Amino acid sequence: MGSRLRVFLTFEQDKTLFNLRTADVPQKVKDRAEVVRLSAHGWYVEKIAAHFNWTAQTVREVLHRWKKLGVEGLWSKPGRGGKPRWTEADMVFLEECLEKEPRTYNSVQLAQKLEKERSVKLSPDWLRQVLKKRDYLEANNEIATRENKIC
């Protein structure tokens, strides 16, 4: 078993962490601040983990981040998750193509057009979902006929 992990706070640091409880910050930040305060008040890592229903390793990570980064370590790093590969301008471009051009497109053809003309690669399924969320497909759902469809 390793040595006990404990942090020591100045009065100002303790006051700052205490004030985070009522501040307009994410709940995760409030929980992390409380973890640091409990450690400073003598709680063991295992007891803090049981109190928050976390693993002991999570508590250790929070305490190590506090020691390394201070208050900034309580916030999560930005940029988690996948970044969007398309912009609003890309969707506006597609909507204009659908409205102005005399032919109809399926999602495969739209994905190909977007890749060819705007260098944005989206799968047809994903493109369909994006357009559906924008309510474009339901609002302009017309039946393809011989007059408005060019093969």
C-alpha atoms as a PDB file:
ATOM      1  CA  MET A   1       0.000   0.000   0.000  1.00  0.00           C
ATOM      2  CA  GLY A   2       1.342   3.402  -0.974  1.00  0.00           C
ATOM      3  CA  SER A   3       1.619   6.464   1.159  1.00  0.00           C
ATOM      4  CA  ARG A   4      -1.465   8.391   2.166  1.00  0.00           C
ATOM      5  CA  LEU A   5      -2.574  11.014  -0.336  1.00  0.00           C
ATOM      6  CA  ARG A   6      -3.627  14.225   1.339  1.00  0.00           C
ATOM      7  CA  VAL A   7      -3.742  17.869   0.348  1.00  0.00           C
ATOM      8  CA  PHE A   8      -3.253  20.900   2.560  1.00  0.00           C
ATOM      9  CA  LEU A   9      -5.144  24.120   1.892  1.00  0.00           C
ATOM     10  CA  THR A  10      -4.599  27.695   2.907  1.00  0.00           C
ATOM     11  CA  PHE A  11      -7.537  29.592   4.373  1.00  0.00           C
ATOM     12  CA  GLU A  12      -8.061  31.403   1.047  1.00  0.00           C
ATOM     13  CA  GLN A  13      -8.016  28.162  -0.960  1.00  0.00           C
ATOM     14  CA  ASP A  14     -10.503  26.544   1.415  1.00  0.00           C
ATOM     15  CA  LYS A  15     -12.778  29.586   1.181  1.00  0.00           C
ATOM     16  CA  THR A  16     -12.587  29.554  -2.636  1.00  0.00           C
ATOM     17  CA  LEU A  17     -13.477  25.858  -2.786  1.00  0.00           C
ATOM     18  CA  PHE A  18     -16.303  26.377  -0.294  1.00  0.00           C
ATOM     19  CA  ASN A  19     -17.730  29.230  -2.410  1.00  0.00           C
ATOM     20  CA  LEU A  20     -17.754  26.994  -5.489  1.00  0.00           C
ATOM     21  CA  ARG A  21     -20.629  25.064  -3.890  1.00  0.00           C
ATOM     22  CA  THR A  22     -23.032  27.921  -4.621  1.00  0.00           C
ATOM     23  CA  ALA A  23     -21.365  29.244  -7.775  1.00  0.00           C
ATOM     24  CA  ASP A  24     -22.776  28.745 -11.246  1.00  0.00           C
ATOM     25  CA  VAL A  25     -20.353  25.995 -12.273  1.00  0.00           C
ATOM     26  CA  PRO A  26     -20.907  22.409 -13.464  1.00  0.00           C
ATOM     27  CA  GLN A  27     -21.758  19.824 -10.819  1.00  0.00           C
ATOM     28  CA  LYS A  28     -18.540  17.930 -11.546  1.00  0.00           C
ATOM     29  CA  VAL A  29     -16.515  20.984 -10.544  1.00  0.00           C
ATOM     30  CA  LYS A  30     -18.476  21.304  -7.294  1.00  0.00           C
ATOM     31  CA  ASP A  31     -17.890  17.625  -6.523  1.00  0.00           C
ATOM     32  CA  ARG A  32     -14.180  17.878  -7.248  1.00  0.00           C
ATOM     33  CA  ALA A  33     -13.889  20.950  -5.011  1.00  0.00           C
ATOM     34  CA  GLU A  34     -15.604  19.069  -2.206  1.00  0.00           C
ATOM     35  CA  VAL A  35     -13.259  16.105  -2.682  1.00  0.00           C
ATOM     36  CA  VAL A  36     -10.267  18.409  -2.224  1.00  0.00           C
ATOM     37  CA  ARG A  37     -11.813  19.998   0.874  1.00  0.00           C
ATOM     38  CA  LEU A  38     -12.611  16.620   2.450  1.00  0.00           C
ATOM     39  CA  SER A  39      -9.054  15.470   1.842  1.00  0.00           C
ATOM     40  CA  ALA A  40      -7.755  18.638   3.488  1.00  0.00           C
ATOM     41  CA  HIS A  41     -10.022  17.943   6.464  1.00  0.00           C
ATOM     42  CA  GLY A  42      -8.387  14.548   6.997  1.00  0.00           C
ATOM     43  CA  TRP A  43     -10.675  12.139   5.138  1.00  0.00           C
ATOM     44  CA  TYR A  44      -9.031   9.096   3.594  1.00  0.00           C
ATOM     45  CA  VAL A  45      -9.274   8.514  -0.170  1.00  0.00           C
ATOM     46  CA  GLU A  46     -11.402   5.389   0.332  1.00  0.00           C
ATOM     47  CA  LYS A  47     -13.861   7.221   2.583  1.00  0.00           C
ATOM     48  CA  ILE A  48     -14.189  10.101   0.088  1.00  0.00           C
ATOM     49  CA  ALA A  49     -14.739   7.581  -2.718  1.00  0.00           C
ATOM     50  CA  ALA A  50     -17.481   5.849  -0.750  1.00  0.00           C
ATOM     51  CA  HIS A  51     -19.094   9.203   0.084  1.00  0.00           C
ATOM     52  CA  PHE A  52     -19.313  10.197  -3.604  1.00  0.00           C
ATOM     53  CA  ASN A  53     -19.852   6.655  -4.895  1.00  0.00           C
ATOM     54  CA  TRP A  54     -16.684   7.008  -6.974  1.00  0.00           C
ATOM     55  CA  THR A  55     -13.691   4.727  -7.275  1.00  0.00           C
ATOM     56  CA  ALA A  56     -10.653   5.455  -5.137  1.00  0.00           C
ATOM     57  CA  GLN A  57      -8.644   5.992  -8.330  1.00  0.00           C
ATOM     58  CA  THR A  58     -10.981   8.797  -9.431  1.00  0.00           C
ATOM     59  CA  VAL A  59     -10.490  10.553  -6.101  1.00  0.00           C
ATOM     60  CA  ARG A  60      -6.712  10.159  -6.428  1.00  0.00           C
ATOM     61  CA  GLU A  61      -6.818  11.652  -9.932  1.00  0.00           C
ATOM     62  CA  VAL A  62      -8.759  14.674  -8.649  1.00  0.00           C
ATOM     63  CA  LEU A  63      -6.283  15.197  -5.813  1.00  0.00           C
ATOM     64  CA  HIS A  64      -3.277  14.854  -8.125  1.00  0.00           C
ATOM     65  CA  ARG A  65      -4.806  17.357 -10.562  1.00  0.00           C
ATOM     66  CA  TRP A  66      -5.367  19.738  -7.651  1.00  0.00           C
ATOM     67  CA  LYS A  67      -1.746  19.435  -6.572  1.00  0.00           C
ATOM     68  CA  LYS A  68      -0.505  19.955 -10.118  1.00  0.00           C
ATOM     69  CA  LEU A  69      -2.909  22.625 -11.458  1.00  0.00           C
ATOM     70  CA  GLY A  70      -4.699  24.126  -8.463  1.00  0.00           C
ATOM     71  CA  VAL A  71      -8.199  25.499  -9.015  1.00  0.00           C
ATOM     72  CA  GLU A  72      -7.867  25.117 -12.810  1.00  0.00           C
ATOM     73  CA  GLY A  73      -7.554  21.360 -12.314  1.00  0.00           C
ATOM     74  CA  LEU A  74     -11.159  21.164 -11.143  1.00  0.00           C
ATOM     75  CA  TRP A  75     -12.528  21.874 -14.628  1.00  0.00           C
ATOM     76  CA  SER A  76     -12.555  19.346 -17.459  1.00  0.00           C
ATOM     77  CA  LYS A  77     -10.417  19.995 -20.476  1.00  0.00           C
ATOM     78  CA  PRO A  78     -12.312  21.408 -23.461  1.00  0.00           C
ATOM     79  CA  GLY A  79     -12.647  19.532 -26.674  1.00  0.00           C
ATOM     80  CA  ARG A  80     -13.941  16.181 -25.522  1.00  0.00           C
ATOM     81  CA  GLY A  81     -15.658  14.124 -28.216  1.00  0.00           C
ATOM     82  CA  GLY A  82     -15.694  14.265 -31.979  1.00  0.00           C
ATOM     83  CA  LYS A  83     -15.558  17.559 -33.789  1.00  0.00           C
ATOM     84  CA  PRO A  84     -18.173  18.388 -36.420  1.00  0.00           C
ATOM     85  CA  ARG A  85     -16.877  17.922 -39.946  1.00  0.00           C
ATOM     86  CA  TRP A  86     -19.480  20.196 -41.463  1.00  0.00           C
ATOM     87  CA  THR A  87     -20.468  23.796 -40.914  1.00  0.00           C
ATOM     88  CA  GLU A  88     -23.760  25.607 -41.135  1.00  0.00           C
ATOM     89  CA  ALA A  89     -22.662  27.003 -44.489  1.00  0.00           C
ATOM     90  CA  ASP A  90     -22.353  23.464 -45.871  1.00  0.00           C
ATOM     91  CA  MET A  91     -25.941  22.652 -44.953  1.00  0.00           C
ATOM     92  CA  VAL A  92     -27.181  25.956 -46.373  1.00  0.00           C
ATOM     93  CA  PHE A  93     -25.331  25.108 -49.601  1.00  0.00           C
ATOM     94  CA  LEU A  94     -27.106  21.752 -49.804  1.00  0.00           C
ATOM     95  CA  GLU A  95     -30.491  23.270 -49.065  1.00  0.00           C
ATOM     96  CA  GLU A  96     -29.979  25.857 -51.793  1.00  0.00           C
ATOM     97  CA  CYS A  97     -28.995  23.126 -54.245  1.00  0.00           C
ATOM     98  CA  LEU A  98     -32.131  21.182 -53.379  1.00  0.00           C
ATOM     99  CA  GLU A  99     -34.337  24.232 -53.811  1.00  0.00           C
ATOM    100  CA  LYS A 100     -32.775  25.754 -56.936  1.00  0.00           C
ATOM    101  CA  GLU A 101     -31.828  22.751 -59.029  1.00  0.00           C
ATOM    102  CA  PRO A 102     -34.628  21.088 -61.001  1.00  0.00           C
ATOM    103  CA  ARG A 103     -33.651  17.532 -60.040  1.00  0.00           C
ATOM    104  CA  THR A 104     -34.031  15.517 -56.864  1.00  0.00           C
ATOM    105  CA  TYR A 105     -31.188  13.964 -54.884  1.00  0.00           C
ATOM    106  CA  ASN A 106     -30.932  11.006 -52.590  1.00  0.00           C
ATOM    107  CA  SER A 107     -28.617  11.036 -49.578  1.00  0.00           C
ATOM    108  CA  VAL A 108     -25.799   9.237 -51.422  1.00  0.00           C
ATOM    109  CA  GLN A 109     -25.858  11.814 -54.219  1.00  0.00           C
ATOM    110  CA  LEU A 110     -25.966  14.687 -51.726  1.00  0.00           C
ATOM    111  CA  ALA A 111     -22.965  13.265 -49.847  1.00  0.00           C
ATOM    112  CA  GLN A 112     -21.060  12.962 -53.122  1.00  0.00           C
ATOM    113  CA  LYS A 113     -21.971  16.520 -54.124  1.00  0.00           C
ATOM    114  CA  LEU A 114     -20.874  17.853 -50.736  1.00  0.00           C
ATOM    115  CA  GLU A 115     -17.554  16.039 -50.966  1.00  0.00           C
ATOM    116  CA  LYS A 116     -16.933  17.098 -54.570  1.00  0.00           C
ATOM    117  CA  GLU A 117     -17.858  20.773 -54.275  1.00  0.00           C
ATOM    118  CA  ARG A 118     -17.071  21.581 -50.618  1.00  0.00           C
ATOM    119  CA  SER A 119     -14.485  18.891 -49.678  1.00  0.00           C
ATOM    120  CA  VAL A 120     -16.629  17.765 -46.746  1.00  0.00           C
ATOM    121  CA  LYS A 121     -16.901  14.011 -46.332  1.00  0.00           C
ATOM    122  CA  LEU A 122     -20.077  12.844 -44.589  1.00  0.00           C
ATOM    123  CA  SER A 123     -21.719   9.462 -44.787  1.00  0.00           C
ATOM    124  CA  PRO A 124     -25.141   9.424 -46.468  1.00  0.00           C
ATOM    125  CA  ASP A 125     -26.769   8.198 -43.244  1.00  0.00           C
ATOM    126  CA  TRP A 126     -25.206  10.982 -41.208  1.00  0.00           C
ATOM    127  CA  LEU A 127     -26.135  13.588 -43.798  1.00  0.00           C
ATOM    128  CA  ARG A 128     -29.723  12.354 -43.732  1.00  0.00           C
ATOM    129  CA  GLN A 129     -29.792  12.688 -39.935  1.00  0.00           C
ATOM    130  CA  VAL A 130     -28.386  16.220 -40.060  1.00  0.00           C
ATOM    131  CA  LEU A 131     -30.940  17.337 -42.625  1.00  0.00           C
ATOM    132  CA  LYS A 132     -33.714  15.633 -40.686  1.00  0.00           C
ATOM    133  CA  LYS A 133     -32.724  17.485 -37.519  1.00  0.00           C
ATOM    134  CA  ARG A 134     -32.898  20.709 -39.495  1.00  0.00           C
ATOM    135  CA  ASP A 135     -36.448  19.700 -40.537  1.00  0.00           C
ATOM    136  CA  TYR A 136     -35.541  20.154 -44.164  1.00  0.00           C
ATOM    137  CA  LEU A 137     -36.580  16.712 -45.366  1.00  0.00           C
ATOM    138  CA  GLU A 138     -40.019  16.816 -43.717  1.00  0.00           C
ATOM    139  CA  ALA A 139     -40.747  20.386 -44.838  1.00  0.00           C
ATOM    140  CA  ASN A 140     -39.829  19.716 -48.493  1.00  0.00           C
ATOM    141  CA  ASN A 141     -40.949  16.126 -48.881  1.00  0.00           C
ATOM    142  CA  GLU A 142     -42.295  16.049 -52.413  1.00  0.00           C
ATOM    143  CA  ILE A 143     -42.964  12.967 -54.493  1.00  0.00           C
ATOM    144  CA  ALA A 144     -40.476  12.370 -57.265  1.00  0.00           C
ATOM    145  CA  THR A 145     -42.222  12.347 -60.629  1.00  0.00           C
ATOM    146  CA  ARG A 146     -41.025  12.035 -64.181  1.00  0.00           C
ATOM    147  CA  GLU A 147     -41.279  15.825 -64.571  1.00  0.00           C
ATOM    148  CA  ASN A 148     -39.106  16.807 -61.597  1.00  0.00           C
ATOM    149  CA  LYS A 149     -36.604  13.972 -61.598  1.00  0.00           C
ATOM    150  CA  ILE A 150     -33.725  13.682 -64.030  1.00  0.00           C
ATOM    151  CA  CYS A 151     -32.038  10.323 -64.074  1.00  0.00           C
END
